[in-house]
């Protein structure tokens, strides 16, 4: 399969060596793509940090709910055993 690519210089390349201008154009395109990706990292980092804080808060709330349920159950058991032991 023969792949043909047209550069902005207008030259159609089919297994021919690229000109310096073609390489500059290609390098500029690649550089722009990397710059676009690099610019997204701070936003992604912030989103991950926010999700991490939400997850920690969620764990903390579940831990308090569990502790309250255990303590409540213990108080009820102690109260019932005290009530029936009279």
PDB file of N, CA and C in Angstrom:
ATOM      1  N   UNK A   1       0.845  -1.165   0.000  1.00  0.00           N
ATOM      2  CA  UNK A   1       0.000   0.000   0.000  1.00  0.00           C
ATOM      3  C   UNK A   1       0.889   1.226   0.000  1.00  0.00           C
ATOM      4  N   UNK A   2       0.652   2.119  -0.888  1.00  0.00           N
ATOM      5  CA  UNK A   2       1.464   3.308  -1.017  1.00  0.00           C
ATOM      6  C   UNK A   2       0.734   4.475  -0.361  1.00  0.00           C
ATOM      7  N   UNK A   3       1.398   5.132   0.564  1.00  0.00           N
ATOM      8  CA  UNK A   3       0.792   6.241   1.287  1.00  0.00           C
ATOM      9  C   UNK A   3       1.310   7.550   0.710  1.00  0.00           C
ATOM     10  N   UNK A   4       0.402   8.397   0.322  1.00  0.00           N
ATOM     11  CA  UNK A   4       0.784   9.670  -0.261  1.00  0.00           C
ATOM     12  C   UNK A   4       0.305  10.784   0.664  1.00  0.00           C
ATOM     13  N   UNK A   5       1.215  11.717   0.987  1.00  0.00           N
ATOM     14  CA  UNK A   5       0.880  12.812   1.876  1.00  0.00           C
ATOM     15  C   UNK A   5       1.242  14.122   1.190  1.00  0.00           C
ATOM     16  N   UNK A   6       0.342  15.074   1.288  1.00  0.00           N
ATOM     17  CA  UNK A   6       0.593  16.376   0.693  1.00  0.00           C
ATOM     18  C   UNK A   6       0.908  17.375   1.793  1.00  0.00           C
ATOM     19  N   UNK A   7       2.025  18.051   1.676  1.00  0.00           N
ATOM     20  CA  UNK A   7       2.415  19.059   2.648  1.00  0.00           C
ATOM     21  C   UNK A   7       1.927  20.423   2.187  1.00  0.00           C
ATOM     22  N   UNK A   8       1.997  21.393   3.083  1.00  0.00           N
ATOM     23  CA  UNK A   8       1.506  22.728   2.727  1.00  0.00           C
ATOM     24  C   UNK A   8       2.364  23.380   1.657  1.00  0.00           C
ATOM     25  N   UNK A   9       3.559  22.867   1.461  1.00  0.00           N
ATOM     26  CA  UNK A   9       4.392  23.421   0.397  1.00  0.00           C
ATOM     27  C   UNK A   9       3.872  22.998  -0.975  1.00  0.00           C
ATOM     28  N   UNK A  10       2.920  22.044  -0.980  1.00  0.00           N
ATOM     29  CA  UNK A  10       2.297  21.633  -2.220  1.00  0.00           C
ATOM     30  C   UNK A  10       2.936  20.412  -2.840  1.00  0.00           C
ATOM     31  N   UNK A  11       4.037  19.952  -2.260  1.00  0.00           N
ATOM     32  CA  UNK A  11       4.705  18.801  -2.856  1.00  0.00           C
ATOM     33  C   UNK A  11       4.027  17.524  -2.384  1.00  0.00           C
ATOM     34  N   UNK A  12       3.714  16.659  -3.327  1.00  0.00           N
ATOM     35  CA  UNK A  12       3.134  15.357  -3.013  1.00  0.00           C
ATOM     36  C   UNK A  12       4.286  14.392  -2.815  1.00  0.00           C
ATOM     37  N   UNK A  13       4.279  13.719  -1.697  1.00  0.00           N
ATOM     38  CA  UNK A  13       5.399  12.852  -1.360  1.00  0.00           C
ATOM     39  C   UNK A  13       4.964  11.401  -1.520  1.00  0.00           C
ATOM     40  N   UNK A  14       5.717  10.668  -2.300  1.00  0.00           N
ATOM     41  CA  UNK A  14       5.475   9.241  -2.458  1.00  0.00           C
ATOM     42  C   UNK A  14       6.833   8.559  -2.454  1.00  0.00           C
ATOM     43  N   UNK A  15       7.250   8.169  -1.238  1.00  0.00           N
ATOM     44  CA  UNK A  15       8.550   7.542  -1.051  1.00  0.00           C
ATOM     45  C   UNK A  15       9.689   8.410  -1.585  1.00  0.00           C
ATOM     46  N   UNK A  16       9.569   9.685  -1.429  1.00  0.00           N
ATOM     47  CA  UNK A  16      10.635  10.611  -1.813  1.00  0.00           C
ATOM     48  C   UNK A  16      11.136  11.291  -0.547  1.00  0.00           C
ATOM     49  N   UNK A  17      12.388  11.712  -0.539  1.00  0.00           N
ATOM     50  CA  UNK A  17      12.901  12.387   0.650  1.00  0.00           C
ATOM     51  C   UNK A  17      12.174  13.716   0.872  1.00  0.00           C
ATOM     52  N   UNK A  18      11.934  14.035   2.129  1.00  0.00           N
ATOM     53  CA  UNK A  18      11.239  15.273   2.470  1.00  0.00           C
ATOM     54  C   UNK A  18      12.199  16.450   2.370  1.00  0.00           C
ATOM     55  N   UNK A  19      11.648  17.590   2.031  1.00  0.00           N
ATOM     56  CA  UNK A  19      12.471  18.798   2.002  1.00  0.00           C
ATOM     57  C   UNK A  19      12.565  19.351   3.417  1.00  0.00           C
ATOM     58  N   UNK A  20      13.469  20.287   3.634  1.00  0.00           N
ATOM     59  CA  UNK A  20      13.609  20.904   4.955  1.00  0.00           C
ATOM     60  C   UNK A  20      12.318  21.614   5.351  1.00  0.00           C
ATOM     61  N   UNK A  21      11.685  22.242   4.396  1.00  0.00           N
ATOM     62  CA  UNK A  21      10.442  22.944   4.687  1.00  0.00           C
ATOM     63  C   UNK A  21       9.361  21.957   5.125  1.00  0.00           C
ATOM     64  N   UNK A  22       9.287  20.802   4.462  1.00  0.00           N
ATOM     65  CA  UNK A  22       8.319  19.781   4.866  1.00  0.00           C
ATOM     66  C   UNK A  22       8.579  19.314   6.295  1.00  0.00           C
ATOM     67  N   UNK A  23       9.860  19.135   6.630  1.00  0.00           N
ATOM     68  CA  UNK A  23      10.210  18.704   7.983  1.00  0.00           C
ATOM     69  C   UNK A  23       9.889  19.784   9.003  1.00  0.00           C
ATOM     70  N   UNK A  24      10.112  21.043   8.651  1.00  0.00           N
ATOM     71  CA  UNK A  24       9.762  22.144   9.559  1.00  0.00           C
ATOM     72  C   UNK A  24       8.254  22.176   9.817  1.00  0.00           C
ATOM     73  N   UNK A  25       7.482  22.008   8.755  1.00  0.00           N
ATOM     74  CA  UNK A  25       6.022  22.020   8.889  1.00  0.00           C
ATOM     75  C   UNK A  25       5.568  20.868   9.791  1.00  0.00           C
ATOM     76  N   UNK A  26       6.121  19.698   9.551  1.00  0.00           N
ATOM     77  CA  UNK A  26       5.769  18.532  10.361  1.00  0.00           C
ATOM     78  C   UNK A  26       6.164  18.741  11.824  1.00  0.00           C
ATOM     79  N   UNK A  27       7.362  19.265  12.052  1.00  0.00           N
ATOM     80  CA  UNK A  27       7.822  19.527  13.417  1.00  0.00           C
ATOM     81  C   UNK A  27       6.930  20.554  14.110  1.00  0.00           C
ATOM     82  N   UNK A  28       6.500  21.559  13.375  1.00  0.00           N
ATOM     83  CA  UNK A  28       5.614  22.577  13.949  1.00  0.00           C
ATOM     84  C   UNK A  28       4.280  21.967  14.338  1.00  0.00           C
ATOM     85  N   UNK A  29       3.740  21.096  13.504  1.00  0.00           N
ATOM     86  CA  UNK A  29       2.467  20.427  13.816  1.00  0.00           C
ATOM     87  C   UNK A  29       2.599  19.561  15.066  1.00  0.00           C
ATOM     88  N   UNK A  30       3.674  18.820  15.135  1.00  0.00           N
ATOM     89  CA  UNK A  30       3.904  17.950  16.292  1.00  0.00           C
ATOM     90  C   UNK A  30       4.071  18.794  17.550  1.00  0.00           C
ATOM     91  N   UNK A  31       4.821  19.888  17.435  1.00  0.00           N
ATOM     92  CA  UNK A  31       5.032  20.766  18.582  1.00  0.00           C
ATOM     93  C   UNK A  31       3.718  21.363  19.072  1.00  0.00           C
ATOM     94  N   UNK A  32       2.849  21.744  18.161  1.00  0.00           N
ATOM     95  CA  UNK A  32       1.549  22.292  18.546  1.00  0.00           C
ATOM     96  C   UNK A  32       0.698  21.250  19.264  1.00  0.00           C
ATOM     97  N   UNK A  33       0.751  20.018  18.787  1.00  0.00           N
ATOM     98  CA  UNK A  33      -0.025  18.953  19.438  1.00  0.00           C
ATOM     99  C   UNK A  33       0.465  18.722  20.862  1.00  0.00           C
ATOM    100  N   UNK A  34       1.794  18.682  21.039  1.00  0.00           N
ATOM    101  CA  UNK A  34       2.338  18.505  22.382  1.00  0.00           C
ATOM    102  C   UNK A  34       2.003  19.694  23.274  1.00  0.00           C
ATOM    103  N   UNK A  35       2.048  20.889  22.732  1.00  0.00           N
ATOM    104  CA  UNK A  35       1.697  22.075  23.521  1.00  0.00           C
ATOM    105  C   UNK A  35       0.241  22.024  23.958  1.00  0.00           C
ATOM    106  N   UNK A  36      -0.634  21.556  23.077  1.00  0.00           N
ATOM    107  CA  UNK A  36      -2.045  21.444  23.412  1.00  0.00           C
ATOM    108  C   UNK A  36      -2.247  20.410  24.528  1.00  0.00           C
ATOM    109  N   UNK A  37      -1.541  19.290  24.433  1.00  0.00           N
ATOM    110  CA  UNK A  37      -1.645  18.249  25.460  1.00  0.00           C
ATOM    111  C   UNK A  37      -1.065  18.756  26.777  1.00  0.00           C
ATOM    112  N   UNK A  38       0.088  19.416  26.722  1.00  0.00           N
ATOM    113  CA  UNK A  38       0.711  19.947  27.935  1.00  0.00           C
ATOM    114  C   UNK A  38      -0.165  20.966  28.630  1.00  0.00           C
ATOM    115  N   UNK A  39      -0.928  21.723  27.874  1.00  0.00           N
ATOM    116  CA  UNK A  39      -1.786  22.741  28.481  1.00  0.00           C
ATOM    117  C   UNK A  39      -2.956  22.120  29.236  1.00  0.00           C
ATOM    118  N   UNK A  40      -3.272  20.863  28.967  1.00  0.00           N
ATOM    119  CA  UNK A  40      -4.388  20.194  29.638  1.00  0.00           C
ATOM    120  C   UNK A  40      -3.989  19.584  30.984  1.00  0.00           C
ATOM    121  N   UNK A  41      -2.698  19.400  31.231  1.00  0.00           N
ATOM    122  CA  UNK A  41      -2.252  18.755  32.461  1.00  0.00           C
ATOM    123  C   UNK A  41      -2.681  19.474  33.734  1.00  0.00           C
ATOM    124  N   UNK A  42      -2.563  20.806  33.845  1.00  0.00           N
ATOM    125  CA  UNK A  42      -3.007  21.454  35.095  1.00  0.00           C
ATOM    126  C   UNK A  42      -4.484  21.220  35.397  1.00  0.00           C
ATOM    127  N   UNK A  43      -5.325  21.261  34.390  1.00  0.00           N
ATOM    128  CA  UNK A  43      -6.755  21.029  34.605  1.00  0.00           C
ATOM    129  C   UNK A  43      -7.011  19.585  35.053  1.00  0.00           C
ATOM    130  N   UNK A  44      -6.311  18.650  34.454  1.00  0.00           N
ATOM    131  CA  UNK A  44      -6.463  17.244  34.827  1.00  0.00           C
ATOM    132  C   UNK A  44      -5.972  17.029  36.252  1.00  0.00           C
ATOM    133  N   UNK A  45      -4.837  17.643  36.593  1.00  0.00           N
ATOM    134  CA  UNK A  45      -4.274  17.513  37.938  1.00  0.00           C
ATOM    135  C   UNK A  45      -5.252  18.064  38.980  1.00  0.00           C
ATOM    136  N   UNK A  46      -5.875  19.207  38.685  1.00  0.00           N
ATOM    137  CA  UNK A  46      -6.843  19.813  39.597  1.00  0.00           C
ATOM    138  C   UNK A  46      -8.070  18.913  39.765  1.00  0.00           C
ATOM    139  N   UNK A  47      -8.547  18.342  38.668  1.00  0.00           N
ATOM    140  CA  UNK A  47      -9.708  17.450  38.738  1.00  0.00           C
ATOM    141  C   UNK A  47      -9.400  16.214  39.576  1.00  0.00           C
ATOM    142  N   UNK A  48      -8.209  15.668  39.430  1.00  0.00           N
ATOM    143  CA  UNK A  48      -7.818  14.491  40.218  1.00  0.00           C
ATOM    144  C   UNK A  48      -7.732  14.855  41.693  1.00  0.00           C
ATOM    145  N   UNK A  49      -7.185  16.032  41.997  1.00  0.00           N
ATOM    146  CA  UNK A  49      -7.073  16.469  43.388  1.00  0.00           C
ATOM    147  C   UNK A  49      -8.458  16.660  44.012  1.00  0.00           C
ATOM    148  N   UNK A  50      -9.382  17.249  43.275  1.00  0.00           N
ATOM    149  CA  UNK A  50     -10.744  17.433  43.774  1.00  0.00           C
ATOM    150  C   UNK A  50     -11.427  16.095  44.022  1.00  0.00           C
ATOM    151  N   UNK A  51     -11.265  15.155  43.099  1.00  0.00           N
ATOM    152  CA  UNK A  51     -11.867  13.831  43.273  1.00  0.00           C
ATOM    153  C   UNK A  51     -11.270  13.118  44.481  1.00  0.00           C
ATOM    154  N   UNK A  52      -9.980  13.301  44.689  1.00  0.00           N
ATOM    155  CA  UNK A  52      -9.321  12.689  45.839  1.00  0.00           C
ATOM    156  C   UNK A  52      -9.886  13.249  47.142  1.00  0.00           C
ATOM    157  N   UNK A  53     -10.083  14.563  47.193  1.00  0.00           N
ATOM    158  CA  UNK A  53     -10.668  15.172  48.393  1.00  0.00           C
ATOM    159  C   UNK A  53     -12.100  14.691  48.617  1.00  0.00           C
ATOM    160  N   UNK A  54     -12.863  14.578  47.540  1.00  0.00           N
ATOM    161  CA  UNK A  54     -14.238  14.070  47.664  1.00  0.00           C
ATOM    162  C   UNK A  54     -14.252  12.636  48.171  1.00  0.00           C
ATOM    163  N   UNK A  55     -13.329  11.832  47.683  1.00  0.00           N
ATOM    164  CA  UNK A  55     -13.259  10.435  48.109  1.00  0.00           C
ATOM    165  C   UNK A  55     -12.895  10.342  49.585  1.00  0.00           C
ATOM    166  N   UNK A  56     -11.917  11.158  50.030  1.00  0.00           N
ATOM    167  CA  UNK A  56     -11.530  11.157  51.444  1.00  0.00           C
ATOM    168  C   UNK A  56     -12.696  11.575  52.326  1.00  0.00           C
ATOM    169  N   UNK A  57     -13.409  12.607  51.912  1.00  0.00           N
ATOM    170  CA  UNK A  57     -14.558  13.077  52.687  1.00  0.00           C
ATOM    171  C   UNK A  57     -15.643  12.006  52.740  1.00  0.00           C
ATOM    172  N   UNK A  58     -15.862  11.320  51.651  1.00  0.00           N
ATOM    173  CA  UNK A  58     -16.852  10.252  51.607  1.00  0.00           C
ATOM    174  C   UNK A  58     -16.466   9.116  52.557  1.00  0.00           C
ATOM    175  N   UNK A  59     -15.188   8.716  52.540  1.00  0.00           N
ATOM    176  CA  UNK A  59     -14.722   7.678  53.460  1.00  0.00           C
ATOM    177  C   UNK A  59     -14.911   8.122  54.909  1.00  0.00           C
ATOM    178  N   UNK A  60     -14.585   9.372  55.186  1.00  0.00           N
ATOM    179  CA  UNK A  60     -14.716   9.890  56.542  1.00  0.00           C
ATOM    180  C   UNK A  60     -16.172   9.830  57.010  1.00  0.00           C
ATOM    181  N   UNK A  61     -17.089  10.230  56.153  1.00  0.00           N
ATOM    182  CA  UNK A  61     -18.507  10.198  56.525  1.00  0.00           C
ATOM    183  C   UNK A  61     -18.992   8.767  56.755  1.00  0.00           C
ATOM    184  N   UNK A  62     -18.577   7.838  55.904  1.00  0.00           N
ATOM    185  CA  UNK A  62     -18.965   6.435  56.089  1.00  0.00           C
ATOM    186  C   UNK A  62     -18.382   5.872  57.377  1.00  0.00           C
ATOM    187  N   UNK A  63     -17.168   6.287  57.716  1.00  0.00           N
ATOM    188  CA  UNK A  63     -16.533   5.821  58.945  1.00  0.00           C
ATOM    189  C   UNK A  63     -17.328   6.306  60.161  1.00  0.00           C
ATOM    190  N   UNK A  64     -17.758   7.577  60.140  1.00  0.00           N
ATOM    191  CA  UNK A  64     -18.545   8.113  61.253  1.00  0.00           C
ATOM    192  C   UNK A  64     -19.898   7.420  61.352  1.00  0.00           C
ATOM    193  N   UNK A  65     -20.520   7.142  60.232  1.00  0.00           N
ATOM    194  CA  UNK A  65     -21.807   6.438  60.248  1.00  0.00           C
ATOM    195  C   UNK A  65     -21.657   5.046  60.856  1.00  0.00           C
ATOM    196  N   UNK A  66     -20.584   4.352  60.457  1.00  0.00           N
ATOM    197  CA  UNK A  66     -20.345   3.007  60.987  1.00  0.00           C
ATOM    198  C   UNK A  66     -20.084   3.061  62.492  1.00  0.00           C
ATOM    199  N   UNK A  67     -19.258   4.026  62.927  1.00  0.00           N
ATOM    200  CA  UNK A  67     -18.957   4.155  64.355  1.00  0.00           C
ATOM    201  C   UNK A  67     -20.229   4.464  65.141  1.00  0.00           C
ATOM    202  N   UNK A  68     -21.072   5.332  64.599  1.00  0.00           N
ATOM    203  CA  UNK A  68     -22.327   5.669  65.280  1.00  0.00           C
ATOM    204  C   UNK A  68     -23.234   4.440  65.377  1.00  0.00           C
ATOM    205  N   UNK A  69     -23.276   3.638  64.329  1.00  0.00           N
ATOM    206  CA  UNK A  69     -24.106   2.433  64.346  1.00  0.00           C
ATOM    207  C   UNK A  69     -23.587   1.428  65.369  1.00  0.00           C
ATOM    208  N   UNK A  70     -22.268   1.268  65.452  1.00  0.00           N
ATOM    209  CA  UNK A  70     -21.687   0.323  66.411  1.00  0.00           C
ATOM    210  C   UNK A  70     -21.940   0.797  67.834  1.00  0.00           C
ATOM    211  N   UNK A  71     -21.708   2.079  68.082  1.00  0.00           N
ATOM    212  CA  UNK A  71     -21.931   2.616  69.436  1.00  0.00           C
ATOM    213  C   UNK A  71     -23.414   2.531  69.803  1.00  0.00           C
ATOM    214  N   UNK A  72     -24.268   2.887  68.860  1.00  0.00           N
ATOM    215  CA  UNK A  72     -25.714   2.809  69.118  1.00  0.00           C
ATOM    216  C   UNK A  72     -26.158   1.405  69.428  1.00  0.00           C
ATOM    217  N   UNK A  73     -25.645   0.453  68.666  1.00  0.00           N
ATOM    218  CA  UNK A  73     -25.991  -0.951  68.907  1.00  0.00           C
ATOM    219  C   UNK A  73     -25.491  -1.395  70.276  1.00  0.00           C
ATOM    220  N   UNK A  74     -24.298  -0.990  70.617  1.00  0.00           N
ATOM    221  CA  UNK A  74     -23.746  -1.342  71.931  1.00  0.00           C
ATOM    222  C   UNK A  74     -24.566  -0.760  73.061  1.00  0.00           C
ATOM    223  N   UNK A  75     -24.992   0.482  72.927  1.00  0.00           N
ATOM    224  CA  UNK A  75     -25.815   1.116  73.961  1.00  0.00           C
ATOM    225  C   UNK A  75     -27.150   0.401  74.092  1.00  0.00           C
ATOM    226  N   UNK A  76     -27.748   0.051  72.974  1.00  0.00           N
ATOM    227  CA  UNK A  76     -29.027  -0.665  73.008  1.00  0.00           C
ATOM    228  C   UNK A  76     -28.861  -2.017  73.674  1.00  0.00           C
ATOM    229  N   UNK A  77     -27.812  -2.735  73.324  1.00  0.00           N
ATOM    230  CA  UNK A  77     -27.577  -4.063  73.927  1.00  0.00           C
ATOM    231  C   UNK A  77     -27.363  -3.928  75.426  1.00  0.00           C
ATOM    232  N   UNK A  78     -26.533  -2.967  75.823  1.00  0.00           N
ATOM    233  CA  UNK A  78     -26.298  -2.765  77.260  1.00  0.00           C
ATOM    234  C   UNK A  78     -27.587  -2.357  77.969  1.00  0.00           C
ATOM    235  N   UNK A  79     -28.375  -1.515  77.308  1.00  0.00           N
ATOM    236  CA  UNK A  79     -29.644  -1.110  77.912  1.00  0.00           C
ATOM    237  C   UNK A  79     -30.614  -2.255  78.048  1.00  0.00           C
ATOM    238  N   UNK A  80     -30.699  -3.101  77.025  1.00  0.00           N
ATOM    239  CA  UNK A  80     -31.612  -4.246  77.106  1.00  0.00           C
ATOM    240  C   UNK A  80     -31.166  -5.266  78.137  1.00  0.00           C
ATOM    241  N   UNK A  81     -29.890  -5.535  78.203  1.00  0.00           N
ATOM    242  CA  UNK A  81     -29.395  -6.502  79.193  1.00  0.00           C
ATOM    243  C   UNK A  81     -29.579  -5.951  80.605  1.00  0.00           C
ATOM    244  N   UNK A  82     -29.413  -4.663  80.756  1.00  0.00           N
ATOM    245  CA  UNK A  82     -29.638  -4.040  82.069  1.00  0.00           C
ATOM    246  C   UNK A  82     -31.116  -4.063  82.429  1.00  0.00           C
ATOM    247  N   UNK A  83     -31.969  -3.895  81.455  1.00  0.00           N
ATOM    248  CA  UNK A  83     -33.424  -3.896  81.684  1.00  0.00           C
ATOM    249  C   UNK A  83     -33.907  -5.273  82.091  1.00  0.00           C
ATOM    250  N   UNK A  84     -33.392  -6.312  81.400  1.00  0.00           N
ATOM    251  CA  UNK A  84     -33.871  -7.662  81.667  1.00  0.00           C
ATOM    252  C   UNK A  84     -33.182  -8.290  82.884  1.00  0.00           C
ATOM    253  N   UNK A  85     -32.081  -7.735  83.322  1.00  0.00           N
ATOM    254  CA  UNK A  85     -31.384  -8.335  84.465  1.00  0.00           C
ATOM    255  C   UNK A  85     -31.949  -7.873  85.792  1.00  0.00           C
ATOM    256  N   UNK A  86     -32.905  -6.979  85.794  1.00  0.00           N
ATOM    257  CA  UNK A  86     -33.507  -6.488  87.032  1.00  0.00           C
ATOM    258  C   UNK A  86     -34.373  -7.489  87.665  1.00  0.00           C
TER     259      UNK A  86
END
